[in-house]
Amino acid sequence: MDLGIRGRKAIVCASSRGLGRACAQALAEAGCEVVVNGIDAARVAETARAIAAATGAKVIPVAAHVGTQAGRDALLAACPDPDILVNNNAGPPPRDFRQLSREDMIEGLDANMMTPILLVQKVIDGMVARKFGRIVNITSGSVKMPMVGLDLSSGARAGLTSFLSGVARSVAASNVTINNILPGPFETDRLVSAASAQAKMRGLTYEEVQAQRKQSIPAGRFGQPEEFGNLCAFVASAHAGYITGQNLLIDGGAFPSAF
């Protein structure tokens, strides 16, 4: 399917690896010019090179921390008028909520709620003026199905979801959409680190935690990053203009709900 976004410009935050990279790859395959981002300059450059070689797309590497003002400025300097913004940022490490200091909580909110909102503020009026815009926030399945130890991550991402829900409705008539994709467990570095932390907290082995998690998924497996990337590209496509303000769960059926 031609997604109708060839020639569009996209910023994909935290995209040097994992789900962010998969999104950048899928958008490049759809013909977008893509800004790839991360804090490790060598990794960002290699990711950009690999995606460009695989797709023929123009891929711009920006080594910067999206959670800082300087990092956000660098992204917008590389792509001042993006048609597509994929918000993504690492979540706080798993931790018992009793151990969270006020500073920890502020840092978590800054990374996973305020940072994406600040980027949306910068790009949304241009999207409205051009009558095309797609904002996709990578949040977490834990927004719907909270996990012990990920309370701060879940809370910050739920706050982002609620904050942008009204914003999404305010710009929908201008063909600008805002949606959230909620990943369950995918085979990424984040899954490994989270399982390791859970194992330590629960007194289990890493293998036991992973086996238990996999057993809880009706699909019987973890997701592959490219599956997530392809969903992101569709949500960002010209065909998805009637989808806005939604939480799209991609978790192999793990969340047990009919609605």
C-alpha atoms as a PDB file:
ATOM      1  CA  MET A   1       0.000   0.000   0.000  1.00  0.00           C
ATOM      2  CA  ASP A   2       1.208   3.474  -0.899  1.00  0.00           C
ATOM      3  CA  LEU A   3       0.863   5.396   2.360  1.00  0.00           C
ATOM      4  CA  GLY A   4       0.599   8.731   0.578  1.00  0.00           C
ATOM      5  CA  ILE A   5       3.405  10.391   2.533  1.00  0.00           C
ATOM      6  CA  ARG A   6       6.261  10.244   0.029  1.00  0.00           C
ATOM      7  CA  GLY A   7       8.252  13.457   0.325  1.00  0.00           C
ATOM      8  CA  ARG A   8       6.895  14.288   3.778  1.00  0.00           C
ATOM      9  CA  LYS A   9       9.353  15.249   6.502  1.00  0.00           C
ATOM     10  CA  ALA A  10       9.444  13.330   9.770  1.00  0.00           C
ATOM     11  CA  ILE A  11      11.183  13.727  13.113  1.00  0.00           C
ATOM     12  CA  VAL A  12      11.453  10.474  15.047  1.00  0.00           C
ATOM     13  CA  CYS A  13      12.729  11.021  18.576  1.00  0.00           C
ATOM     14  CA  ALA A  14      14.973   8.462  20.281  1.00  0.00           C
ATOM     15  CA  SER A  15      15.229   6.469  17.067  1.00  0.00           C
ATOM     16  CA  SER A  16      18.768   5.130  16.989  1.00  0.00           C
ATOM     17  CA  ARG A  17      17.518   1.733  18.189  1.00  0.00           C
ATOM     18  CA  GLY A  18      14.477  -0.209  19.329  1.00  0.00           C
ATOM     19  CA  LEU A  19      10.932   0.853  18.519  1.00  0.00           C
ATOM     20  CA  GLY A  20      12.000   4.353  17.511  1.00  0.00           C
ATOM     21  CA  ARG A  21      14.387   2.954  14.923  1.00  0.00           C
ATOM     22  CA  ALA A  22      11.656   0.683  13.584  1.00  0.00           C
ATOM     23  CA  CYS A  23       9.396   3.724  13.143  1.00  0.00           C
ATOM     24  CA  ALA A  24      12.129   5.658  11.350  1.00  0.00           C
ATOM     25  CA  GLN A  25      12.786   2.687   9.057  1.00  0.00           C
ATOM     26  CA  ALA A  26       9.110   2.290   8.167  1.00  0.00           C
ATOM     27  CA  LEU A  27       8.664   6.004   7.453  1.00  0.00           C
ATOM     28  CA  ALA A  28      11.783   6.015   5.273  1.00  0.00           C
ATOM     29  CA  GLU A  29      10.418   3.006   3.384  1.00  0.00           C
ATOM     30  CA  ALA A  30       7.235   5.026   2.801  1.00  0.00           C
ATOM     31  CA  GLY A  31       9.322   7.741   1.147  1.00  0.00           C
ATOM     32  CA  CYS A  32       9.680  10.233   3.965  1.00  0.00           C
ATOM     33  CA  GLU A  33      12.718  12.342   4.729  1.00  0.00           C
ATOM     34  CA  VAL A  34      13.532  11.267   8.269  1.00  0.00           C
ATOM     35  CA  VAL A  35      15.447  12.802  11.159  1.00  0.00           C
ATOM     36  CA  VAL A  36      16.984  10.042  13.290  1.00  0.00           C
ATOM     37  CA  ASN A  37      17.872  10.917  16.858  1.00  0.00           C
ATOM     38  CA  GLY A  38      19.706   9.555  19.885  1.00  0.00           C
ATOM     39  CA  ILE A  39      22.355  10.502  22.419  1.00  0.00           C
ATOM     40  CA  ASP A  40      25.132   8.211  21.142  1.00  0.00           C
ATOM     41  CA  ALA A  41      26.542  10.035  18.106  1.00  0.00           C
ATOM     42  CA  ALA A  42      28.203   6.952  16.614  1.00  0.00           C
ATOM     43  CA  ARG A  43      25.049   4.866  16.946  1.00  0.00           C
ATOM     44  CA  VAL A  44      22.886   7.648  15.495  1.00  0.00           C
ATOM     45  CA  ALA A  45      25.208   8.028  12.502  1.00  0.00           C
ATOM     46  CA  GLU A  46      25.271   4.274  11.858  1.00  0.00           C
ATOM     47  CA  THR A  47      21.491   4.009  12.144  1.00  0.00           C
ATOM     48  CA  ALA A  48      21.010   6.869   9.694  1.00  0.00           C
ATOM     49  CA  ARG A  49      23.481   5.309   7.263  1.00  0.00           C
ATOM     50  CA  ALA A  50      21.830   1.896   7.477  1.00  0.00           C
ATOM     51  CA  ILE A  51      18.296   3.212   6.974  1.00  0.00           C
ATOM     52  CA  ALA A  52      19.370   5.406   4.051  1.00  0.00           C
ATOM     53  CA  ALA A  53      21.185   2.491   2.412  1.00  0.00           C
ATOM     54  CA  ALA A  54      18.195   0.184   2.845  1.00  0.00           C
ATOM     55  CA  THR A  55      15.521   2.618   1.661  1.00  0.00           C
ATOM     56  CA  GLY A  56      17.170   5.259  -0.524  1.00  0.00           C
ATOM     57  CA  ALA A  57      15.562   7.926   1.637  1.00  0.00           C
ATOM     58  CA  LYS A  58      17.215  11.063   2.926  1.00  0.00           C
ATOM     59  CA  VAL A  59      18.020  10.406   6.581  1.00  0.00           C
ATOM     60  CA  ILE A  60      19.427  13.134   8.807  1.00  0.00           C
ATOM     61  CA  PRO A  61      21.274  12.107  11.991  1.00  0.00           C
ATOM     62  CA  VAL A  62      20.873  14.366  15.022  1.00  0.00           C
ATOM     63  CA  ALA A  63      22.822  13.330  18.107  1.00  0.00           C
ATOM     64  CA  ALA A  64      21.034  15.117  20.942  1.00  0.00           C
ATOM     65  CA  HIS A  65      19.074  14.433  24.103  1.00  0.00           C
ATOM     66  CA  VAL A  66      15.419  15.086  23.318  1.00  0.00           C
ATOM     67  CA  GLY A  67      14.778  15.680  27.014  1.00  0.00           C
ATOM     68  CA  THR A  68      16.807  18.900  26.951  1.00  0.00           C
ATOM     69  CA  GLN A  69      15.960  22.242  25.383  1.00  0.00           C
ATOM     70  CA  ALA A  70      19.203  22.120  23.411  1.00  0.00           C
ATOM     71  CA  GLY A  71      18.265  18.686  22.100  1.00  0.00           C
ATOM     72  CA  ARG A  72      14.817  19.778  20.980  1.00  0.00           C
ATOM     73  CA  ASP A  73      16.294  22.869  19.345  1.00  0.00           C
ATOM     74  CA  ALA A  74      18.726  20.660  17.433  1.00  0.00           C
ATOM     75  CA  LEU A  75      15.915  18.473  16.114  1.00  0.00           C
ATOM     76  CA  LEU A  76      13.915  21.467  14.938  1.00  0.00           C
ATOM     77  CA  ALA A  77      16.980  23.072  13.390  1.00  0.00           C
ATOM     78  CA  ALA A  78      17.460  19.920  11.309  1.00  0.00           C
ATOM     79  CA  CYS A  79      13.764  19.846  10.331  1.00  0.00           C
ATOM     80  CA  PRO A  80      12.021  23.160  11.048  1.00  0.00           C
ATOM     81  CA  ASP A  81       8.684  22.205   9.474  1.00  0.00           C
ATOM     82  CA  PRO A  82       8.004  18.521  10.093  1.00  0.00           C
ATOM     83  CA  ASP A  83       4.866  16.949   8.709  1.00  0.00           C
ATOM     84  CA  ILE A  84       5.225  13.996  11.068  1.00  0.00           C
ATOM     85  CA  LEU A  85       6.440  13.950  14.659  1.00  0.00           C
ATOM     86  CA  VAL A  86       6.998  10.684  16.495  1.00  0.00           C
ATOM     87  CA  ASN A  87       7.477  11.380  20.184  1.00  0.00           C
ATOM     88  CA  ASN A  88       9.572   8.810  21.986  1.00  0.00           C
ATOM     89  CA  ASN A  89      11.840   8.871  25.006  1.00  0.00           C
ATOM     90  CA  ALA A  90      13.227   6.336  27.429  1.00  0.00           C
ATOM     91  CA  GLY A  91      11.159   5.784  30.527  1.00  0.00           C
ATOM     92  CA  PRO A  92      12.435   5.809  34.099  1.00  0.00           C
ATOM     93  CA  PRO A  93      13.922   2.514  35.276  1.00  0.00           C
ATOM     94  CA  PRO A  94      11.639   0.114  37.170  1.00  0.00           C
ATOM     95  CA  ARG A  95      11.597   0.988  40.854  1.00  0.00           C
ATOM     96  CA  ASP A  96       9.406   0.509  43.907  1.00  0.00           C
ATOM     97  CA  PHE A  97       7.303   3.678  44.188  1.00  0.00           C
ATOM     98  CA  ARG A  98       8.372   4.059  47.829  1.00  0.00           C
ATOM     99  CA  GLN A  99      11.905   4.711  46.625  1.00  0.00           C
ATOM    100  CA  LEU A 100      10.954   7.592  44.337  1.00  0.00           C
ATOM    101  CA  SER A 101      12.059  11.014  45.487  1.00  0.00           C
ATOM    102  CA  ARG A 102      10.326  14.201  44.467  1.00  0.00           C
ATOM    103  CA  GLU A 103      13.228  14.862  42.091  1.00  0.00           C
ATOM    104  CA  ASP A 104      12.812  11.399  40.547  1.00  0.00           C
ATOM    105  CA  MET A 105       9.140  12.081  39.916  1.00  0.00           C
ATOM    106  CA  ILE A 106       9.796  15.472  38.349  1.00  0.00           C
ATOM    107  CA  GLU A 107      12.452  13.934  36.107  1.00  0.00           C
ATOM    108  CA  GLY A 108      10.042  11.211  34.990  1.00  0.00           C
ATOM    109  CA  LEU A 109       7.286  13.704  34.225  1.00  0.00           C
ATOM    110  CA  ASP A 110       9.730  15.896  32.335  1.00  0.00           C
ATOM    111  CA  ALA A 111      10.940  13.029  30.153  1.00  0.00           C
ATOM    112  CA  ASN A 112       7.664  11.305  29.358  1.00  0.00           C
ATOM    113  CA  MET A 113       5.039  14.034  29.590  1.00  0.00           C
ATOM    114  CA  MET A 114       6.480  17.524  29.303  1.00  0.00           C
ATOM    115  CA  THR A 115       9.128  16.840  26.648  1.00  0.00           C
ATOM    116  CA  PRO A 116       6.651  15.562  24.029  1.00  0.00           C
ATOM    117  CA  ILE A 117       4.208  18.353  24.836  1.00  0.00           C
ATOM    118  CA  LEU A 118       6.933  20.973  24.318  1.00  0.00           C
ATOM    119  CA  LEU A 119       7.712  19.512  20.888  1.00  0.00           C
ATOM    120  CA  VAL A 120       4.032  19.433  19.950  1.00  0.00           C
ATOM    121  CA  GLN A 121       3.766  23.118  20.888  1.00  0.00           C
ATOM    122  CA  LYS A 122       6.556  23.931  18.430  1.00  0.00           C
ATOM    123  CA  VAL A 123       5.285  21.998  15.411  1.00  0.00           C
ATOM    124  CA  ILE A 124       1.501  21.965  15.566  1.00  0.00           C
ATOM    125  CA  ASP A 125       0.734  25.441  14.200  1.00  0.00           C
ATOM    126  CA  GLY A 126       2.833  24.788  11.101  1.00  0.00           C
ATOM    127  CA  MET A 127       0.981  21.522  10.554  1.00  0.00           C
ATOM    128  CA  VAL A 128      -2.353  23.308  10.877  1.00  0.00           C
ATOM    129  CA  ALA A 129      -1.269  25.970   8.376  1.00  0.00           C
ATOM    130  CA  ARG A 130      -0.166  23.307   5.857  1.00  0.00           C
ATOM    131  CA  LYS A 131      -3.353  21.255   6.447  1.00  0.00           C
ATOM    132  CA  PHE A 132      -1.400  18.103   7.155  1.00  0.00           C
ATOM    133  CA  GLY A 133       0.157  16.799  10.319  1.00  0.00           C
ATOM    134  CA  ARG A 134       0.605  13.495  12.075  1.00  0.00           C
ATOM    135  CA  ILE A 135       1.765  13.326  15.692  1.00  0.00           C
ATOM    136  CA  VAL A 136       2.353   9.858  17.080  1.00  0.00           C
ATOM    137  CA  ASN A 137       3.281   9.393  20.726  1.00  0.00           C
ATOM    138  CA  ILE A 138       4.933   6.137  21.737  1.00  0.00           C
ATOM    139  CA  THR A 139       3.616   5.556  25.237  1.00  0.00           C
ATOM    140  CA  SER A 140       3.189   2.115  26.840  1.00  0.00           C
ATOM    141  CA  GLY A 141       0.748  -0.703  27.340  1.00  0.00           C
ATOM    142  CA  SER A 142       1.183   0.016  31.039  1.00  0.00           C
ATOM    143  CA  VAL A 143      -1.035   3.078  30.569  1.00  0.00           C
ATOM    144  CA  LYS A 144      -3.934   0.631  30.280  1.00  0.00           C
ATOM    145  CA  MET A 145      -2.528  -2.239  32.322  1.00  0.00           C
ATOM    146  CA  PRO A 146      -0.219  -0.841  35.021  1.00  0.00           C
ATOM    147  CA  MET A 147       2.803  -2.876  36.054  1.00  0.00           C
ATOM    148  CA  VAL A 148       4.316  -2.828  39.512  1.00  0.00           C
ATOM    149  CA  GLY A 149       7.588  -0.936  39.415  1.00  0.00           C
ATOM    150  CA  LEU A 150       6.650   1.110  36.349  1.00  0.00           C
ATOM    151  CA  ASP A 151       4.339   3.453  38.261  1.00  0.00           C
ATOM    152  CA  LEU A 152       6.193   6.641  37.356  1.00  0.00           C
ATOM    153  CA  SER A 153       6.438   5.713  33.686  1.00  0.00           C
ATOM    154  CA  SER A 154       2.760   4.749  33.570  1.00  0.00           C
ATOM    155  CA  GLY A 155       1.670   7.923  35.362  1.00  0.00           C
ATOM    156  CA  ALA A 156       3.694  10.283  33.193  1.00  0.00           C
ATOM    157  CA  ARG A 157       2.522   8.663  29.969  1.00  0.00           C
ATOM    158  CA  ALA A 158      -1.091   8.645  31.146  1.00  0.00           C
ATOM    159  CA  GLY A 159      -0.724  12.355  31.854  1.00  0.00           C
ATOM    160  CA  LEU A 160       0.550  12.931  28.311  1.00  0.00           C
ATOM    161  CA  THR A 161      -2.387  10.947  26.949  1.00  0.00           C
ATOM    162  CA  SER A 162      -4.965  13.034  28.796  1.00  0.00           C
ATOM    163  CA  PHE A 163      -3.234  16.342  28.094  1.00  0.00           C
ATOM    164  CA  LEU A 164      -3.155  15.825  24.320  1.00  0.00           C
ATOM    165  CA  SER A 165      -6.613  14.286  24.075  1.00  0.00           C
ATOM    166  CA  GLY A 166      -8.310  17.669  23.947  1.00  0.00           C
ATOM    167  CA  VAL A 167      -5.569  19.125  21.750  1.00  0.00           C
ATOM    168  CA  ALA A 168      -6.192  16.362  19.212  1.00  0.00           C
ATOM    169  CA  ARG A 169      -9.839  17.377  18.857  1.00  0.00           C
ATOM    170  CA  SER A 170      -8.937  21.043  18.482  1.00  0.00           C
ATOM    171  CA  VAL A 171      -6.847  20.499  15.326  1.00  0.00           C
ATOM    172  CA  ALA A 172      -8.639  17.555  13.699  1.00  0.00           C
ATOM    173  CA  ALA A 173     -10.480  19.767  11.194  1.00  0.00           C
ATOM    174  CA  SER A 174      -7.109  20.886   9.811  1.00  0.00           C
ATOM    175  CA  ASN A 175      -6.113  17.299   8.922  1.00  0.00           C
ATOM    176  CA  VAL A 176      -3.761  17.169  11.898  1.00  0.00           C
ATOM    177  CA  THR A 177      -4.023  14.059  14.037  1.00  0.00           C
ATOM    178  CA  ILE A 178      -2.574  13.094  17.400  1.00  0.00           C
ATOM    179  CA  ASN A 179      -2.568   9.456  18.422  1.00  0.00           C
ATOM    180  CA  ASN A 180      -0.789   7.236  20.894  1.00  0.00           C
ATOM    181  CA  ILE A 181       0.644   3.787  20.243  1.00  0.00           C
ATOM    182  CA  LEU A 182       0.861   1.622  23.346  1.00  0.00           C
ATOM    183  CA  PRO A 183       3.408  -1.168  22.982  1.00  0.00           C
ATOM    184  CA  GLY A 184       3.331  -4.327  25.013  1.00  0.00           C
ATOM    185  CA  PRO A 185       6.527  -6.382  25.299  1.00  0.00           C
ATOM    186  CA  PHE A 186       8.712  -6.154  22.202  1.00  0.00           C
ATOM    187  CA  GLU A 187      12.115  -7.680  21.650  1.00  0.00           C
ATOM    188  CA  THR A 188      14.197  -4.596  22.420  1.00  0.00           C
ATOM    189  CA  ASP A 189      16.914  -3.547  24.854  1.00  0.00           C
ATOM    190  CA  ARG A 190      14.187  -1.999  27.016  1.00  0.00           C
ATOM    191  CA  LEU A 191      12.543  -5.398  27.447  1.00  0.00           C
ATOM    192  CA  VAL A 192      15.831  -6.903  28.608  1.00  0.00           C
ATOM    193  CA  SER A 193      16.528  -4.144  31.152  1.00  0.00           C
ATOM    194  CA  ALA A 194      12.963  -4.177  32.485  1.00  0.00           C
ATOM    195  CA  ALA A 195      12.984  -7.957  32.902  1.00  0.00           C
ATOM    196  CA  SER A 196      16.324  -7.807  34.677  1.00  0.00           C
ATOM    197  CA  ALA A 197      15.006  -5.216  37.117  1.00  0.00           C
ATOM    198  CA  GLN A 198      11.812  -7.197  37.692  1.00  0.00           C
ATOM    199  CA  ALA A 199      13.859 -10.329  38.383  1.00  0.00           C
ATOM    200  CA  LYS A 200      15.876  -8.492  41.021  1.00  0.00           C
ATOM    201  CA  MET A 201      12.775  -7.009  42.650  1.00  0.00           C
ATOM    202  CA  ARG A 202      10.930 -10.336  42.750  1.00  0.00           C
ATOM    203  CA  GLY A 203      13.842 -12.632  43.604  1.00  0.00           C
ATOM    204  CA  LEU A 204      13.552 -14.584  40.352  1.00  0.00           C
ATOM    205  CA  THR A 205      15.921 -15.348  37.530  1.00  0.00           C
ATOM    206  CA  TYR A 206      15.844 -13.332  34.329  1.00  0.00           C
ATOM    207  CA  GLU A 207      14.737 -16.440  32.436  1.00  0.00           C
ATOM    208  CA  GLU A 208      11.839 -17.033  34.843  1.00  0.00           C
ATOM    209  CA  VAL A 209      10.582 -13.483  34.456  1.00  0.00           C
ATOM    210  CA  GLN A 210      10.740 -13.647  30.653  1.00  0.00           C
ATOM    211  CA  ALA A 211       8.995 -17.018  30.569  1.00  0.00           C
ATOM    212  CA  GLN A 212       6.198 -15.756  32.820  1.00  0.00           C
ATOM    213  CA  ARG A 213       5.758 -12.632  30.721  1.00  0.00           C
ATOM    214  CA  LYS A 214       5.577 -14.613  27.497  1.00  0.00           C
ATOM    215  CA  GLN A 215       3.012 -17.008  28.991  1.00  0.00           C
ATOM    216  CA  SER A 216       0.761 -14.030  29.753  1.00  0.00           C
ATOM    217  CA  ILE A 217       0.588 -13.040  26.074  1.00  0.00           C
ATOM    218  CA  PRO A 218      -2.102 -14.810  24.023  1.00  0.00           C
ATOM    219  CA  ALA A 219       0.081 -14.538  20.918  1.00  0.00           C
ATOM    220  CA  GLY A 220       2.657 -16.619  22.780  1.00  0.00           C
ATOM    221  CA  ARG A 221       5.579 -14.408  21.829  1.00  0.00           C
ATOM    222  CA  PHE A 222       7.105 -10.969  22.126  1.00  0.00           C
ATOM    223  CA  GLY A 223       6.503  -8.411  19.399  1.00  0.00           C
ATOM    224  CA  GLN A 224       8.994  -7.628  16.661  1.00  0.00           C
ATOM    225  CA  PRO A 225      10.025  -3.980  16.276  1.00  0.00           C
ATOM    226  CA  GLU A 226       9.140  -3.907  12.580  1.00  0.00           C
ATOM    227  CA  GLU A 227       5.528  -4.755  13.460  1.00  0.00           C
ATOM    228  CA  PHE A 228       5.418  -1.645  15.617  1.00  0.00           C
ATOM    229  CA  GLY A 229       7.137   0.481  12.974  1.00  0.00           C
ATOM    230  CA  ASN A 230       4.639  -0.508  10.305  1.00  0.00           C
ATOM    231  CA  LEU A 231       1.727   0.467  12.561  1.00  0.00           C
ATOM    232  CA  CYS A 232       3.378   3.819  13.256  1.00  0.00           C
ATOM    233  CA  ALA A 233       3.823   4.469   9.532  1.00  0.00           C
ATOM    234  CA  PHE A 234       0.157   3.741   8.860  1.00  0.00           C
ATOM    235  CA  VAL A 235      -1.004   6.021  11.683  1.00  0.00           C
ATOM    236  CA  ALA A 236       1.223   8.716  10.147  1.00  0.00           C
ATOM    237  CA  SER A 237      -0.093   8.073   6.656  1.00  0.00           C
ATOM    238  CA  ALA A 238      -2.488   9.999   4.438  1.00  0.00           C
ATOM    239  CA  HIS A 239      -5.023   7.206   4.969  1.00  0.00           C
ATOM    240  CA  ALA A 240      -5.307   7.757   8.727  1.00  0.00           C
ATOM    241  CA  GLY A 241      -6.752  11.262   8.757  1.00  0.00           C
ATOM    242  CA  TYR A 242      -9.978  10.078  10.407  1.00  0.00           C
ATOM    243  CA  ILE A 243      -8.144   8.494  13.333  1.00  0.00           C
ATOM    244  CA  THR A 244      -7.307  10.929  16.099  1.00  0.00           C
ATOM    245  CA  GLY A 245      -7.167  11.069  19.874  1.00  0.00           C
ATOM    246  CA  GLN A 246      -6.869   7.292  20.032  1.00  0.00           C
ATOM    247  CA  ASN A 247      -4.793   4.821  22.046  1.00  0.00           C
ATOM    248  CA  LEU A 248      -3.727   1.985  19.769  1.00  0.00           C
ATOM    249  CA  LEU A 249      -2.647  -1.029  21.794  1.00  0.00           C
ATOM    250  CA  ILE A 250      -0.219  -3.459  20.156  1.00  0.00           C
ATOM    251  CA  ASP A 251       0.493  -6.199  22.665  1.00  0.00           C
ATOM    252  CA  GLY A 252      -0.373  -9.603  21.221  1.00  0.00           C
ATOM    253  CA  GLY A 253      -3.717  -9.591  23.047  1.00  0.00           C
ATOM    254  CA  ALA A 254      -2.239  -9.274  26.539  1.00  0.00           C
ATOM    255  CA  PHE A 255      -4.706  -6.647  27.723  1.00  0.00           C
ATOM    256  CA  PRO A 256      -7.892  -8.624  28.477  1.00  0.00           C
ATOM    257  CA  SER A 257     -10.678  -6.335  27.343  1.00  0.00           C
ATOM    258  CA  ALA A 258     -13.403  -6.372  24.726  1.00  0.00           C
ATOM    259  CA  PHE A 259     -13.320  -2.551  24.400  1.00  0.00           C
END
